[in-house]
Protein backbone atom coordinates (compact mmCIF):
# COMPACT_ATOMS: atom_id res chain seq x y z
CA MET A 1 0.00 0.00 0.00
CA ASP A 2 1.47 3.34 -1.08
CA TRP A 3 -0.43 6.57 -0.47
CA LEU A 4 0.21 10.25 -0.97
CA ALA A 5 -1.20 11.49 2.30
CA THR A 6 -2.81 14.82 3.15
CA ILE A 7 -3.00 15.10 6.92
CA PRO A 8 -5.24 17.62 8.72
CA ALA A 9 -3.45 19.25 11.65
CA GLY A 10 -4.64 22.30 13.55
CA GLY A 11 -6.22 24.06 10.60
CA VAL A 12 -3.51 23.24 8.07
CA MET A 13 -2.92 20.32 5.73
CA LEU A 14 0.40 18.51 5.83
CA GLU A 15 1.78 16.53 2.90
CA GLY A 16 3.12 13.05 3.44
CA ALA A 17 3.89 9.65 1.96
CA LEU A 18 2.58 6.45 3.52
CA SER A 19 3.93 3.07 2.47
CA VAL A 20 2.89 -0.16 4.19
CA PRO A 21 3.91 -3.68 3.10
CA GLU A 22 1.11 -6.25 3.24
CA THR A 23 3.04 -8.22 5.85
CA ALA A 24 3.66 -5.24 8.15
CA SER A 25 2.91 -5.52 11.86
CA GLY A 26 3.78 -1.89 12.60
CA VAL A 27 4.11 1.59 11.12
CA VAL A 28 6.90 4.04 11.97
CA LEU A 29 6.15 7.77 11.78
CA PHE A 30 9.14 9.96 10.96
CA ALA A 31 9.62 13.39 12.53
CA HIS A 32 12.30 15.29 10.61
CA GLY A 33 14.67 17.91 11.98
CA SER A 34 14.64 21.66 11.49
CA GLY A 35 15.09 22.81 7.92
CA SER A 36 14.25 19.37 6.57
CA SER A 37 11.07 17.75 5.28
CA ARG A 38 9.45 14.48 4.32
CA LEU A 39 12.03 14.33 1.51
CA SER A 40 14.96 14.06 3.94
CA PRO A 41 17.42 11.70 2.22
CA ARG A 42 18.62 10.31 5.54
CA ASN A 43 15.16 9.59 6.89
CA ASN A 44 14.14 8.10 3.57
CA ALA A 45 17.17 5.81 3.62
CA VAL A 46 16.18 4.50 7.03
CA ALA A 47 12.54 4.19 5.95
CA ARG A 48 13.50 2.11 2.91
CA ARG A 49 15.48 -0.22 5.16
CA LEU A 50 12.52 -0.67 7.49
CA ARG A 51 10.09 -1.37 4.65
CA ALA A 52 12.49 -3.82 3.04
CA SER A 53 12.16 -6.06 6.09
CA GLY A 54 8.48 -6.50 5.27
CA HIS A 55 7.63 -5.95 8.93
CA PHE A 56 7.12 -2.18 8.99
CA GLY A 57 5.37 0.53 7.08
CA THR A 58 6.48 4.16 7.18
CA LEU A 59 4.85 7.58 7.21
CA LEU A 60 7.10 10.48 6.22
CA PHE A 61 5.37 13.85 6.33
CA ASP A 62 6.06 17.55 6.60
CA LEU A 63 5.75 18.95 10.11
CA LEU A 64 5.22 22.44 8.65
CA THR A 65 3.52 23.79 5.54
CA PRO A 66 5.79 25.43 2.92
CA ALA A 67 4.68 28.88 4.09
CA GLU A 68 5.33 28.04 7.75
CA ASP A 69 8.75 26.66 6.96
CA THR A 70 9.91 30.11 5.88
CA ASP A 71 9.53 31.22 9.51
CA ARG A 72 12.69 29.96 11.21
CA SER A 73 11.15 30.28 14.67
CA LEU A 74 8.50 27.68 13.83
CA ARG A 75 11.20 25.16 12.96
CA PHE A 76 12.20 25.24 16.62
CA ASP A 77 8.68 25.42 18.07
CA ILE A 78 8.87 21.99 19.68
CA PRO A 79 5.36 22.04 21.22
CA LEU A 80 3.90 22.87 17.78
CA LEU A 81 5.91 20.09 16.13
CA ALA A 82 4.73 17.64 18.79
CA GLU A 83 1.12 18.67 18.12
CA ARG A 84 1.62 18.05 14.42
CA LEU A 85 3.07 14.61 15.09
CA THR A 86 0.15 13.84 17.38
CA ALA A 87 -2.28 14.90 14.65
CA ALA A 88 -0.52 12.65 12.15
CA THR A 89 -0.69 9.75 14.61
CA ASP A 90 -4.42 10.29 15.11
CA TRP A 91 -4.89 10.44 11.34
CA LEU A 92 -3.02 7.18 10.91
CA ARG A 93 -5.06 5.51 13.62
CA ALA A 94 -8.23 6.50 11.75
CA GLN A 95 -7.19 4.64 8.58
CA THR A 96 -9.32 1.51 8.82
CA GLU A 97 -6.99 -0.76 6.85
CA ILE A 98 -3.91 -0.12 8.95
CA GLY A 99 -5.07 1.78 12.03
CA GLY A 100 -4.71 -1.28 14.23
CA LEU A 101 -1.02 -1.82 13.54
CA ARG A 102 1.60 -1.10 16.17
CA LEU A 103 3.10 2.39 16.01
CA GLY A 104 6.62 3.72 16.48
CA TYR A 105 8.35 7.07 16.14
CA PHE A 106 11.67 7.88 14.46
CA GLY A 107 12.82 11.41 15.22
CA ALA A 108 15.85 13.31 13.96
CA SER A 109 17.34 16.40 15.61
CA THR A 110 14.48 18.63 16.81
CA GLY A 111 12.02 16.04 15.51
CA ALA A 112 13.26 13.67 18.21
CA ALA A 113 12.14 16.12 20.90
CA ALA A 114 8.73 16.37 19.24
CA ALA A 115 8.50 12.57 19.13
CA LEU A 116 9.33 12.25 22.82
CA ILE A 117 6.75 14.86 23.82
CA ALA A 118 4.09 13.25 21.63
CA ALA A 119 4.89 9.79 23.01
CA ALA A 120 4.68 11.07 26.59
CA ARG A 121 1.03 11.99 25.92
CA ARG A 122 0.00 8.63 24.47
CA ASP A 123 -0.12 4.98 25.46
CA ASP A 124 -0.10 3.53 21.94
CA ILE A 125 3.49 4.21 20.88
CA GLY A 126 5.44 0.98 21.01
CA ALA A 127 8.99 2.24 20.41
CA ILE A 128 11.00 5.38 19.67
CA VAL A 129 14.31 5.87 17.87
CA SER A 130 16.19 9.18 17.93
CA ARG A 131 18.91 9.96 15.35
CA GLY A 132 21.23 12.77 16.36
CA GLY A 133 18.33 14.03 18.44
CA ARG A 134 17.86 16.87 20.87
CA PRO A 135 15.98 15.07 23.64
CA ASP A 136 16.86 17.88 26.01
CA LEU A 137 14.33 20.05 24.15
CA ALA A 138 11.58 17.71 25.36
CA GLY A 139 12.07 19.05 28.88
CA GLN A 140 10.09 17.42 31.67
CA ALA A 141 8.25 15.21 29.18
CA LEU A 142 11.27 12.89 29.25
CA THR A 143 10.27 11.61 32.68
CA ARG A 144 6.87 10.57 31.30
CA VAL A 145 8.16 8.64 28.27
CA THR A 146 7.56 4.96 28.97
CA ALA A 147 7.91 3.69 25.38
CA PRO A 148 11.22 1.86 24.77
CA THR A 149 13.60 4.51 23.44
CA LEU A 150 16.86 4.16 21.53
CA LEU A 151 19.10 7.23 21.28
CA ILE A 152 21.58 7.06 18.38
CA VAL A 153 24.35 9.64 18.39
CA GLY A 154 27.57 10.16 16.45
CA GLY A 155 30.74 9.69 18.45
CA ALA A 156 32.21 12.80 16.80
CA ASP A 157 29.22 14.93 17.80
CA PRO A 158 30.31 15.64 21.40
CA SER A 159 27.83 18.33 22.42
CA VAL A 160 24.82 16.31 21.23
CA LEU A 161 26.30 13.18 22.78
CA ASP A 162 26.48 14.92 26.15
CA LEU A 163 22.85 16.02 25.84
CA ASN A 164 21.74 12.49 25.00
CA GLU A 165 23.69 10.96 27.86
CA ALA A 166 21.95 13.34 30.27
CA ALA A 167 18.53 12.67 28.75
CA LEU A 168 19.01 8.90 28.94
CA HIS A 169 18.85 9.00 32.73
CA GLN A 170 15.54 10.86 32.67
CA LEU A 171 13.61 8.49 30.41
CA ALA A 172 11.13 6.36 32.32
CA GLY A 173 10.93 3.29 30.10
CA PRO A 174 13.40 0.82 28.59
CA LYS A 175 16.22 2.81 27.02
CA GLU A 176 19.59 2.51 25.33
CA LEU A 177 22.22 4.85 23.91
CA HIS A 178 24.03 3.70 20.77
CA VAL A 179 27.12 5.63 19.69
CA VAL A 180 28.18 5.43 16.04
CA GLU A 181 31.92 5.77 16.38
CA GLY A 182 33.51 8.47 14.22
CA ALA A 183 30.16 9.83 12.99
CA THR A 184 29.33 13.52 13.04
CA HIS A 185 25.87 15.04 13.48
CA LEU A 186 24.55 14.23 9.99
CA PHE A 187 26.07 10.73 9.84
CA GLU A 188 27.70 11.53 6.51
CA GLU A 189 30.71 9.27 7.05
CA PRO A 190 30.90 5.99 5.08
CA GLY A 191 28.77 3.34 6.73
CA ALA A 192 27.43 5.65 9.46
CA LEU A 193 23.87 5.92 8.17
CA ASP A 194 23.83 2.19 7.45
CA GLU A 195 24.58 1.60 11.12
CA VAL A 196 21.76 3.97 12.11
CA ALA A 197 19.32 2.07 9.89
CA GLU A 198 20.50 -1.29 11.21
CA GLN A 199 20.17 -0.28 14.85
CA ALA A 200 16.76 1.32 14.25
CA GLY A 201 15.56 -1.83 12.53
CA LEU A 202 16.72 -4.02 15.39
CA TRP A 203 15.00 -1.80 17.94
CA PHE A 204 11.70 -1.78 16.10
CA GLU A 205 11.98 -5.53 15.53
CA ARG A 206 12.33 -5.99 19.28
CA TYR A 207 9.42 -3.81 20.30
CA LEU A 208 7.02 -3.44 17.34
CA ARG A 209 7.11 -6.72 15.48
CA LEU A 210 4.43 -9.23 16.36
CA PRO A 211 5.75 -12.60 17.59
CA ASN A 212 5.61 -15.43 15.07
């Protein structure tokens, strides 16, 4: 199933792409970082890897409209981004053919903070993966996140690594920190993004895939 999605969210319509293999037991919603979009090449690379397993569908969508994205302040409005992700999750739940599948979040940079805040408000998110995320921007919501959470950070991204190490202790549910050695913030080094995709896949396999 491949859809071009139009998602209602707080009076605006957000563009997205939904792809769900027939054998999927879960769907992962992607929350991109500031200045990015549903077309993020890194998020799309991870999404392709997840779909290739046959176990997961993916929803990549814009957190802001094109007009909103010209306002730099909105790119860092984490509560707004969390509301948009929540709206997209509600929209997905309402799709009768797939609404009963398990749900996970994959957040990058500021999108990771939005994913953590959104997950803290819900009881239907089965797993979260953060890539180079800013979990510190989720504030006190971290202590209410019970969904199993994997924080993936580049070893050559020291400031973000410090922030993730501090956030790890605040998360309430199962949690792990995976460091991609030698990788910088955008995981541009050879093999770095492959490692991100592999670790994300393993995490979602553990917590979203239905037992055989």
